[in-house]
Amino acid sequence: MLKISRLSVLLTTLLSLSVSAKSVDFDSAWKNVLNNHNGIAAERANVQRQESLASGTSDLNLPSITLSANYTYLDDDVTVSSKQIIESTGVSLPVLPIPLPNITSTLSERDIFTSSIRAIWPIFTGGRISAAESAAEGKTDEARSQLKMKQQASYEDLAKYYFSVVLANEVVKTYSEVEQGLAKHRDNAVKLQQQGQIAKVERLQADAAYDKAKVDLRKAQQNSDIASAALRSMLQMNENITPETPLFINQKLPEMTAFIDNTLATYPGLDLLDAKEKQASSLIKAEKGSYYPEVYLYGNYNLYEGDSLSAEIAPDWMVGVGVNVPLLDNKGRSEKVAAAHSAVQQVQYLKKQAKEDLSLLVEKTYREALQAIDEYYGLASSIALAQENILLREKGFKQGLSTSLDVVDAELYLASIKTQRSLASFNYMISLVKLLALSDGTDTFVQYQLQAREGK
């Protein structure tokens, strides 16, 4: 009765969990991450920001128009007398019998208020505007590469969280089988002791092993709960999650060179370095542009100048062309050009090193996947041996040919082999996902899953 009650409680618990949990396959989980992950959303926002900034650089080719208003207070009115005018002409007047009166005119009062519209249109800047546009494009490309790298890293993180739950659930199932097997062994030991066929110490050994199995099962369940909590956090879901995609393993993989070639052709980290090189090259162009003159058109239209005489005689508008020729610069133009060239070389060296590191990383990950395949299939015979050993030990225990410890060891050995095999499958999944992420092949994950099903 105790055994039936225990199994009924376990089944009730599992049933309640399955009802309240939401089943999610790996592909759906990945779509959830793409839509809701805060880190990915932040990188998308950065791409939008850089795109907006890049669009703004095109405005550098347009004229700038400003509306200005000024108020000036002079220490006195600006006046001019007839005598000053005559003297300024340099002409000597004949001596007249009656002297001319010295008439004074106010050109401008001491309170001056003016407003005008001024426009400046760059015609030639030595390539600095195009360099700014190219640099902005490079920053946008860099932001896009960072977004792809974030998505790649999140894909790998999701695989670890997702399949950690699957692995933890398999371990729970394995330890549940151990607990059930040792419960059966404990019941047999009780009966045999009552019949006087075994010593009390054998029954105590069965009790201790069963109690230890229950502790191990609870520990495995707690580890599963922790893994599930981490997955819920990444998916931003409050309800319990039941992964639908199981651990699987393929009998073989495509050639390693295919993964390496695809990685070197598509890895966003290399695109990021290309964007850095583009920015550094733009910096060279911009620094060289400081040696060239600037040519621009300008115009000014006076909106208001007051009622003074000077305002009346001054023209309302003017246009012209201006040139700024750099003769002597104190900002280290040549040194900046040299520094920009060094920046380009630095990025080029980093790119070469990154390709070498990526090739090594792909090879390492590929060989780890092969190692997991060998381990998984190599343990198949150990599973069969362990299962047969349990049957023999249980039969021998009933006949007095085996001890309780022999039965316990057989159960635990089978559990260890099953756990090791599940771990090999998990390690293969992590290596496979990493290979697909590095080589831009995440959309082929389902194909590997189908091939694994067909290979069984």
Protein backbone atom coordinates (compact mmCIF):
# COMPACT_ATOMS: atom_id res chain seq x y z
CA MET A 1 0.00 0.00 0.00
CA LEU A 2 2.87 2.32 0.83
CA LYS A 3 4.40 1.72 -2.58
CA ILE A 4 1.11 2.39 -4.38
CA SER A 5 0.58 5.58 -2.38
CA ARG A 6 4.06 6.82 -3.20
CA LEU A 7 3.62 6.24 -6.92
CA SER A 8 0.21 7.89 -6.92
CA VAL A 9 1.63 11.00 -5.25
CA LEU A 10 4.45 11.15 -7.80
CA LEU A 11 2.05 10.76 -10.73
CA THR A 12 -0.28 13.40 -9.29
CA THR A 13 2.63 15.83 -8.91
CA LEU A 14 3.88 15.26 -12.44
CA LEU A 15 0.33 15.59 -13.81
CA SER A 16 -0.21 18.91 -12.04
CA LEU A 17 3.08 20.25 -13.34
CA SER A 18 2.27 19.21 -16.90
CA VAL A 19 -1.11 20.88 -16.77
CA SER A 20 0.17 24.22 -15.47
CA ALA A 21 3.31 24.28 -17.64
CA LYS A 22 3.48 25.76 -21.13
CA SER A 23 5.14 23.69 -23.84
CA VAL A 24 7.66 25.64 -25.92
CA ASP A 25 9.89 24.30 -28.67
CA PHE A 26 13.36 25.71 -29.25
CA ASP A 27 12.40 27.62 -32.40
CA SER A 28 9.49 29.36 -30.64
CA ALA A 29 11.73 30.15 -27.68
CA TRP A 30 14.24 31.79 -30.03
CA LYS A 31 11.53 33.92 -31.65
CA ASN A 32 10.48 34.99 -28.16
CA VAL A 33 14.04 36.05 -27.36
CA LEU A 34 14.34 38.00 -30.62
CA ASN A 35 11.16 39.91 -29.82
CA ASN A 36 11.55 40.48 -26.08
CA HIS A 37 15.22 40.36 -25.09
CA ASN A 38 16.23 43.72 -23.64
CA GLY A 39 19.84 43.42 -24.77
CA ILE A 40 18.81 42.81 -28.38
CA ALA A 41 16.29 45.65 -28.19
CA ALA A 42 19.05 47.95 -26.95
CA GLU A 43 21.27 47.05 -29.91
CA ARG A 44 18.36 47.67 -32.29
CA ALA A 45 17.88 51.10 -30.76
CA ASN A 46 21.59 51.78 -31.28
CA VAL A 47 21.25 50.83 -34.97
CA GLN A 48 18.34 53.25 -35.34
CA ARG A 49 20.35 55.96 -33.61
CA GLN A 50 23.33 55.50 -35.93
CA GLU A 51 21.07 55.41 -38.99
CA SER A 52 19.55 58.72 -37.93
CA LEU A 53 22.99 60.23 -37.38
CA ALA A 54 24.15 58.95 -40.77
CA SER A 55 21.13 60.51 -42.45
CA GLY A 56 21.97 63.77 -40.74
CA THR A 57 25.45 63.94 -42.29
CA SER A 58 23.92 64.42 -45.75
CA ASP A 59 22.68 67.80 -44.54
CA LEU A 60 26.29 68.98 -44.45
CA ASN A 61 25.99 69.57 -48.21
CA LEU A 62 23.07 71.95 -47.71
CA PRO A 63 23.37 75.65 -46.88
CA SER A 64 23.03 76.74 -43.31
CA ILE A 65 20.57 79.59 -42.80
CA THR A 66 20.45 81.56 -39.58
CA LEU A 67 18.19 84.29 -38.31
CA SER A 68 20.02 86.69 -36.02
CA ALA A 69 18.98 89.70 -33.95
CA ASN A 70 21.35 92.05 -32.15
CA TYR A 71 21.00 94.88 -29.72
CA THR A 72 23.96 97.21 -29.25
CA TYR A 73 24.33 100.15 -26.86
CA LEU A 74 26.96 102.77 -27.79
CA ASP A 75 28.54 105.29 -25.45
CA ASP A 76 27.12 108.08 -27.61
CA ASP A 77 25.23 108.77 -30.83
CA VAL A 78 27.20 108.46 -34.04
CA THR A 79 27.15 111.92 -35.66
CA VAL A 80 28.91 113.68 -38.50
CA SER A 81 29.20 117.43 -39.16
CA SER A 82 29.41 119.30 -42.44
CA LYS A 83 32.92 120.35 -41.50
CA GLN A 84 33.97 116.73 -41.06
CA ILE A 85 32.47 115.84 -44.40
CA ILE A 86 34.30 118.68 -46.18
CA GLU A 87 37.56 117.80 -44.46
CA SER A 88 37.19 114.15 -45.36
CA THR A 89 36.95 115.08 -49.06
CA GLY A 90 40.31 116.80 -49.02
CA VAL A 91 38.96 119.78 -51.02
CA SER A 92 39.73 123.32 -49.86
CA LEU A 93 36.78 125.68 -50.17
CA PRO A 94 37.34 129.33 -51.09
CA VAL A 95 37.14 131.89 -48.35
CA LEU A 96 33.62 133.20 -48.22
CA PRO A 97 32.55 136.54 -46.74
CA ILE A 98 30.03 134.71 -44.64
CA PRO A 99 31.14 131.37 -43.01
CA LEU A 100 29.01 128.29 -43.69
CA PRO A 101 27.12 126.92 -40.70
CA ASN A 102 28.49 123.69 -39.20
CA ILE A 103 25.52 121.35 -39.63
CA THR A 104 25.56 118.06 -37.67
CA SER A 105 23.70 114.89 -38.73
CA THR A 106 23.07 111.78 -36.61
CA LEU A 107 24.08 108.66 -38.50
CA SER A 108 23.08 106.25 -35.74
CA GLU A 109 21.64 106.55 -32.32
CA ARG A 110 23.36 104.94 -29.37
CA ASP A 111 20.63 102.25 -29.13
CA ILE A 112 20.99 99.96 -32.14
CA PHE A 113 18.74 97.01 -32.93
CA THR A 114 19.29 94.95 -36.10
CA SER A 115 18.05 91.62 -37.46
CA SER A 116 19.08 89.71 -40.56
CA ILE A 117 19.06 86.36 -42.32
CA ARG A 118 22.45 84.89 -43.22
CA ALA A 119 23.13 81.85 -45.44
CA ILE A 120 26.39 79.96 -45.95
CA TRP A 121 26.64 77.20 -48.55
CA PRO A 122 29.80 75.05 -48.64
CA ILE A 123 31.03 74.42 -52.18
CA PHE A 124 34.35 72.68 -51.56
CA THR A 125 35.61 71.35 -48.22
CA GLY A 126 38.55 69.21 -49.27
CA GLY A 127 36.57 65.99 -48.94
CA ARG A 128 35.75 66.49 -45.28
CA ILE A 129 32.00 66.26 -45.81
CA SER A 130 32.25 63.00 -47.77
CA ALA A 131 34.63 61.71 -45.09
CA ALA A 132 32.07 62.51 -42.41
CA GLU A 133 29.39 60.70 -44.41
CA SER A 134 31.63 57.65 -44.83
CA ALA A 135 32.49 57.63 -41.12
CA ALA A 136 28.79 57.80 -40.23
CA GLU A 137 28.10 54.86 -42.54
CA GLY A 138 30.92 52.96 -40.85
CA LYS A 139 29.39 53.59 -37.44
CA THR A 140 26.03 52.36 -38.72
CA ASP A 141 27.66 49.20 -40.09
CA GLU A 142 29.36 48.75 -36.73
CA ALA A 143 26.03 49.04 -34.92
CA ARG A 144 24.46 46.46 -37.23
CA SER A 145 27.36 44.08 -36.63
CA GLN A 146 27.01 44.55 -32.88
CA LEU A 147 23.31 43.70 -33.18
CA LYS A 148 24.13 40.49 -35.06
CA MET A 149 26.78 39.56 -32.50
CA LYS A 150 24.30 40.16 -29.68
CA GLN A 151 21.76 37.96 -31.44
CA GLN A 152 24.40 35.27 -31.93
CA ALA A 153 25.42 35.37 -28.27
CA SER A 154 21.76 35.31 -27.18
CA TYR A 155 21.14 32.27 -29.41
CA GLU A 156 23.96 30.41 -27.68
CA ASP A 157 22.75 31.53 -24.25
CA LEU A 158 19.23 30.35 -25.02
CA ALA A 159 20.55 26.94 -26.06
CA LYS A 160 22.40 26.61 -22.76
CA TYR A 161 19.35 27.61 -20.71
CA TYR A 162 16.85 25.64 -22.78
CA PHE A 163 18.74 22.37 -23.05
CA SER A 164 19.95 22.62 -19.46
CA VAL A 165 16.29 22.24 -18.53
CA VAL A 166 15.96 19.26 -20.88
CA LEU A 167 19.08 17.69 -19.39
CA ALA A 168 17.91 18.36 -15.84
CA ASN A 169 14.56 16.74 -16.60
CA GLU A 170 16.31 13.67 -18.01
CA VAL A 171 18.43 13.45 -14.86
CA VAL A 172 15.25 13.71 -12.77
CA LYS A 173 13.76 10.86 -14.80
CA THR A 174 16.90 8.76 -14.32
CA TYR A 175 17.00 9.31 -10.55
CA SER A 176 13.27 8.64 -10.36
CA GLU A 177 13.91 5.26 -11.97
CA VAL A 178 16.71 4.66 -9.47
CA GLU A 179 14.42 5.59 -6.61
CA GLN A 180 11.73 3.22 -7.89
CA GLY A 181 14.25 0.43 -8.43
CA LEU A 182 15.72 0.78 -4.95
CA ALA A 183 12.23 1.01 -3.46
CA LYS A 184 11.47 -2.35 -5.06
CA HIS A 185 14.77 -3.69 -3.78
CA ARG A 186 14.01 -2.42 -0.27
CA ASP A 187 10.59 -4.14 -0.33
CA ASN A 188 12.24 -7.38 -1.41
CA ALA A 189 14.81 -7.06 1.35
CA VAL A 190 12.08 -6.60 3.95
CA LYS A 191 10.31 -9.74 2.77
CA LEU A 192 13.52 -11.77 2.68
CA GLN A 193 14.48 -10.65 6.18
CA GLN A 194 11.03 -11.60 7.47
CA GLN A 195 11.54 -15.03 5.91
CA GLY A 196 14.97 -15.27 7.50
CA GLN A 197 16.81 -15.52 4.20
CA ILE A 198 19.02 -12.42 4.71
CA ALA A 199 20.59 -10.71 7.69
CA LYS A 200 19.29 -7.47 9.16
CA VAL A 201 22.34 -5.60 7.89
CA GLU A 202 21.35 -6.42 4.32
CA ARG A 203 17.90 -4.92 4.87
CA LEU A 204 19.47 -1.83 6.51
CA GLN A 205 21.71 -1.48 3.49
CA ALA A 206 18.63 -1.50 1.26
CA ASP A 207 16.92 1.10 3.50
CA ALA A 208 19.96 3.40 3.42
CA ALA A 209 20.30 3.12 -0.36
CA TYR A 210 16.60 3.90 -0.83
CA ASP A 211 16.79 6.94 1.45
CA LYS A 212 19.88 8.17 -0.39
CA ALA A 213 18.04 7.74 -3.71
CA LYS A 214 15.17 9.92 -2.46
CA VAL A 215 17.65 12.63 -1.46
CA ASP A 216 19.33 12.46 -4.87
CA LEU A 217 15.95 12.66 -6.58
CA ARG A 218 14.97 15.79 -4.62
CA LYS A 219 18.34 17.34 -5.42
CA ALA A 220 17.89 16.59 -9.13
CA GLN A 221 14.42 18.13 -9.00
CA GLN A 222 15.78 21.26 -7.35
CA ASN A 223 18.44 21.56 -10.06
CA SER A 224 15.69 21.22 -12.64
CA ASP A 225 13.69 23.97 -10.93
CA ILE A 226 16.74 26.26 -10.94
CA ALA A 227 17.35 25.62 -14.64
CA SER A 228 13.67 26.27 -15.39
CA ALA A 229 13.77 29.55 -13.47
CA ALA A 230 16.75 30.70 -15.54
CA LEU A 231 14.94 29.81 -18.76
CA ARG A 232 11.77 31.62 -17.65
CA SER A 233 13.85 34.69 -16.86
CA MET A 234 15.44 34.74 -20.30
CA LEU A 235 12.09 34.24 -22.00
CA GLN A 236 10.45 36.74 -19.64
CA MET A 237 7.66 34.30 -18.82
CA ASN A 238 6.12 33.74 -15.40
CA GLU A 239 4.48 30.38 -16.04
CA ASN A 240 6.29 27.04 -15.92
CA ILE A 241 7.88 25.98 -19.20
CA THR A 242 8.09 22.48 -20.62
CA PRO A 243 10.68 22.26 -23.41
CA GLU A 244 9.33 20.36 -26.42
CA THR A 245 12.62 19.98 -28.28
CA PRO A 246 14.53 17.01 -26.83
CA LEU A 247 18.24 16.42 -26.69
CA PHE A 248 19.38 14.72 -29.87
CA ILE A 249 22.59 13.70 -31.55
CA ASN A 250 23.59 13.25 -35.18
CA GLN A 251 25.68 10.36 -36.34
CA LYS A 252 27.85 12.66 -38.45
CA LEU A 253 28.39 16.32 -39.29
CA PRO A 254 29.25 18.18 -42.50
CA GLU A 255 32.94 18.71 -43.19
CA MET A 256 34.70 21.07 -40.82
CA THR A 257 35.95 23.22 -43.71
CA ALA A 258 32.34 24.10 -44.56
CA PHE A 259 31.80 25.56 -41.09
CA ILE A 260 35.13 27.43 -41.24
CA ASP A 261 34.44 28.90 -44.68
CA ASN A 262 30.94 30.03 -43.73
CA THR A 263 32.21 31.54 -40.48
CA LEU A 264 34.94 33.55 -42.18
CA ALA A 265 32.44 34.74 -44.79
CA THR A 266 29.57 35.73 -42.50
CA TYR A 267 30.81 36.24 -38.93
CA PRO A 268 29.55 39.68 -37.77
CA GLY A 269 32.69 40.31 -35.73
CA LEU A 270 34.67 40.51 -38.98
CA ASP A 271 32.06 42.89 -40.41
CA LEU A 272 32.51 44.99 -37.30
CA LEU A 273 36.25 45.23 -37.98
CA ASP A 274 35.48 46.18 -41.59
CA ALA A 275 33.31 48.98 -40.24
CA LYS A 276 36.14 50.08 -37.96
CA GLU A 277 38.52 50.11 -40.93
CA LYS A 278 36.04 52.19 -42.90
CA GLN A 279 35.87 54.72 -40.09
CA ALA A 280 39.67 54.86 -39.83
CA SER A 281 40.00 55.36 -43.59
CA SER A 282 37.45 58.16 -43.40
CA LEU A 283 39.54 59.75 -40.68
CA ILE A 284 42.54 59.77 -43.03
CA LYS A 285 40.46 61.50 -45.68
CA ALA A 286 39.15 64.02 -43.19
CA GLU A 287 42.59 64.86 -41.83
CA LYS A 288 44.02 65.27 -45.33
CA GLY A 289 41.12 67.57 -46.14
CA SER A 290 42.43 70.07 -43.61
CA TYR A 291 45.26 70.85 -46.06
CA TYR A 292 42.81 72.06 -48.71
CA PRO A 293 41.02 75.41 -48.80
CA GLU A 294 37.35 75.79 -48.04
CA VAL A 295 35.16 77.50 -50.64
CA TYR A 296 31.69 78.67 -49.78
CA LEU A 297 28.92 80.98 -50.94
CA TYR A 298 27.33 83.36 -48.53
CA GLY A 299 24.51 85.85 -48.49
CA ASN A 300 22.92 88.24 -46.03
CA TYR A 301 19.57 90.04 -46.00
CA ASN A 302 18.79 92.75 -43.47
CA LEU A 303 15.33 92.46 -42.02
CA TYR A 304 15.44 95.46 -39.71
CA GLU A 305 18.06 98.15 -39.13
CA GLY A 306 16.14 100.98 -37.49
CA ASP A 307 15.39 104.46 -38.81
CA SER A 308 18.87 105.94 -38.68
CA LEU A 309 20.63 107.54 -41.62
CA SER A 310 23.21 104.79 -41.75
CA ALA A 311 20.41 102.21 -42.00
CA GLU A 312 18.82 104.10 -44.86
CA ILE A 313 21.99 104.30 -46.94
CA ALA A 314 23.17 100.72 -46.17
CA PRO A 315 22.19 98.01 -48.75
CA ASP A 316 19.45 95.59 -47.79
CA TRP A 317 21.22 92.47 -49.07
CA MET A 318 24.56 91.15 -50.25
CA VAL A 319 25.97 87.89 -51.67
CA GLY A 320 29.49 86.71 -52.21
CA VAL A 321 31.97 83.85 -52.33
CA GLY A 322 34.49 83.14 -49.58
CA VAL A 323 37.69 81.12 -49.36
CA ASN A 324 39.53 79.94 -46.26
CA VAL A 325 43.09 78.89 -46.99
CA PRO A 326 44.94 77.11 -44.16
CA LEU A 327 48.48 78.47 -44.04
CA LEU A 328 49.74 77.43 -40.64
CA ASP A 329 47.93 74.94 -38.42
CA ASN A 330 48.67 74.37 -34.76
CA LYS A 331 46.53 71.24 -34.38
CA GLY A 332 49.07 68.68 -35.62
CA ARG A 333 47.62 67.87 -39.03
CA SER A 334 50.49 65.65 -40.20
CA GLU A 335 50.55 63.76 -36.91
CA LYS A 336 46.80 63.17 -37.11
CA VAL A 337 47.15 61.80 -40.64
CA ALA A 338 49.91 59.45 -39.46
CA ALA A 339 47.78 58.37 -36.50
CA ALA A 340 44.85 57.64 -38.82
CA HIS A 341 47.08 55.46 -41.02
CA SER A 342 48.19 53.58 -37.90
CA ALA A 343 44.56 53.05 -36.95
CA VAL A 344 43.88 51.44 -40.33
CA GLN A 345 46.89 49.14 -39.93
CA GLN A 346 45.78 48.23 -36.42
CA VAL A 347 42.34 47.16 -37.65
CA GLN A 348 43.88 45.16 -40.50
CA TYR A 349 46.11 43.25 -38.07
CA LEU A 350 43.17 42.67 -35.74
CA LYS A 351 41.16 41.27 -38.63
CA LYS A 352 43.92 38.82 -39.58
CA GLN A 353 44.19 37.68 -35.98
CA ALA A 354 40.41 37.39 -35.66
CA LYS A 355 40.28 35.09 -38.70
CA GLU A 356 42.94 32.85 -37.18
CA ASP A 357 41.14 32.78 -33.83
CA LEU A 358 37.80 32.05 -35.49
CA SER A 359 39.23 29.17 -37.49
CA LEU A 360 40.70 27.72 -34.31
CA LEU A 361 37.43 28.22 -32.41
CA VAL A 362 35.41 26.47 -35.11
CA GLU A 363 37.87 23.58 -35.21
CA LYS A 364 37.81 23.25 -31.41
CA THR A 365 34.01 23.33 -31.29
CA TYR A 366 33.74 20.89 -34.18
CA ARG A 367 36.05 18.37 -32.51
CA GLU A 368 34.15 18.74 -29.24
CA ALA A 369 30.97 17.84 -31.13
CA LEU A 370 32.65 14.77 -32.62
CA GLN A 371 33.90 13.77 -29.19
CA ALA A 372 30.36 14.00 -27.82
CA ILE A 373 29.08 11.82 -30.69
CA ASP A 374 31.73 9.17 -29.98
CA GLU A 375 30.96 9.23 -26.28
CA TYR A 376 27.20 8.95 -26.79
CA TYR A 377 27.32 5.97 -29.12
CA GLY A 378 30.22 4.41 -27.23
CA LEU A 379 28.09 4.19 -24.08
CA ALA A 380 25.30 2.23 -25.78
CA SER A 381 26.88 -1.12 -24.90
CA SER A 382 27.45 0.03 -21.33
CA ILE A 383 23.71 0.73 -21.00
CA ALA A 384 22.88 -2.81 -22.13
CA LEU A 385 25.48 -4.28 -19.78
CA ALA A 386 24.26 -2.24 -16.81
CA GLN A 387 20.63 -3.26 -17.39
CA GLU A 388 21.57 -6.91 -17.62
CA ASN A 389 23.72 -6.60 -14.50
CA ILE A 390 20.76 -5.28 -12.51
CA LEU A 391 18.64 -8.29 -13.48
CA LEU A 392 21.39 -10.70 -12.49
CA ARG A 393 22.09 -8.93 -9.17
CA GLU A 394 18.41 -8.84 -8.22
CA LYS A 395 18.01 -12.52 -9.05
CA GLY A 396 21.20 -13.35 -7.16
CA PHE A 397 20.01 -11.33 -4.14
CA LYS A 398 16.80 -13.34 -3.96
CA GLN A 399 18.83 -16.54 -4.15
CA GLY A 400 21.38 -15.39 -1.61
CA LEU A 401 24.18 -15.18 -4.16
CA SER A 402 24.44 -11.36 -4.18
CA THR A 403 24.45 -8.79 -1.45
CA SER A 404 22.25 -5.73 -1.14
CA LEU A 405 25.27 -3.60 -1.93
CA ASP A 406 25.70 -5.44 -5.24
CA VAL A 407 22.14 -4.53 -6.25
CA VAL A 408 22.59 -0.91 -5.18
CA ASP A 409 25.86 -0.61 -7.08
CA ALA A 410 24.22 -2.03 -10.19
CA GLU A 411 21.36 0.49 -10.00
CA LEU A 412 23.71 3.41 -9.44
CA TYR A 413 26.01 2.29 -12.23
CA LEU A 414 23.11 2.25 -14.70
CA ALA A 415 22.07 5.71 -13.51
CA SER A 416 25.60 7.05 -13.95
CA ILE A 417 25.82 5.68 -17.50
CA LYS A 418 22.44 7.16 -18.42
CA THR A 419 23.43 10.52 -16.95
CA GLN A 420 26.77 10.44 -18.73
CA ARG A 421 25.04 9.66 -22.00
CA SER A 422 22.54 12.49 -21.51
CA LEU A 423 25.42 14.84 -20.73
CA ALA A 424 27.19 13.76 -23.93
CA SER A 425 24.04 14.59 -25.88
CA PHE A 426 23.81 17.95 -24.10
CA ASN A 427 27.46 18.76 -24.90
CA TYR A 428 26.81 17.87 -28.52
CA MET A 429 23.81 20.21 -28.64
CA ILE A 430 25.82 23.10 -27.22
CA SER A 431 28.66 22.50 -29.70
CA LEU A 432 26.24 22.19 -32.61
CA VAL A 433 24.41 25.40 -31.70
CA LYS A 434 27.72 27.23 -31.40
CA LEU A 435 28.85 25.98 -34.80
CA LEU A 436 25.57 27.09 -36.36
CA ALA A 437 25.75 30.48 -34.67
CA LEU A 438 29.34 31.08 -35.77
CA SER A 439 28.65 30.06 -39.37
CA ASP A 440 25.32 31.90 -39.72
CA GLY A 441 23.44 28.61 -39.98
CA THR A 442 20.92 28.89 -37.16
CA ASP A 443 18.05 28.44 -39.62
CA THR A 444 19.33 24.88 -40.35
CA PHE A 445 18.89 23.69 -36.75
CA VAL A 446 15.60 21.97 -37.58
CA GLN A 447 17.30 19.99 -40.36
CA TYR A 448 19.78 18.51 -37.88
CA GLN A 449 16.88 17.64 -35.58
CA LEU A 450 15.06 15.83 -38.41
CA GLN A 451 18.22 13.98 -39.44
CA ALA A 452 18.66 12.80 -35.86
CA ARG A 453 15.11 11.43 -35.81
CA GLU A 454 15.63 9.65 -39.11
CA GLY A 455 18.93 8.21 -37.88
CA LYS A 456 17.32 6.44 -34.91
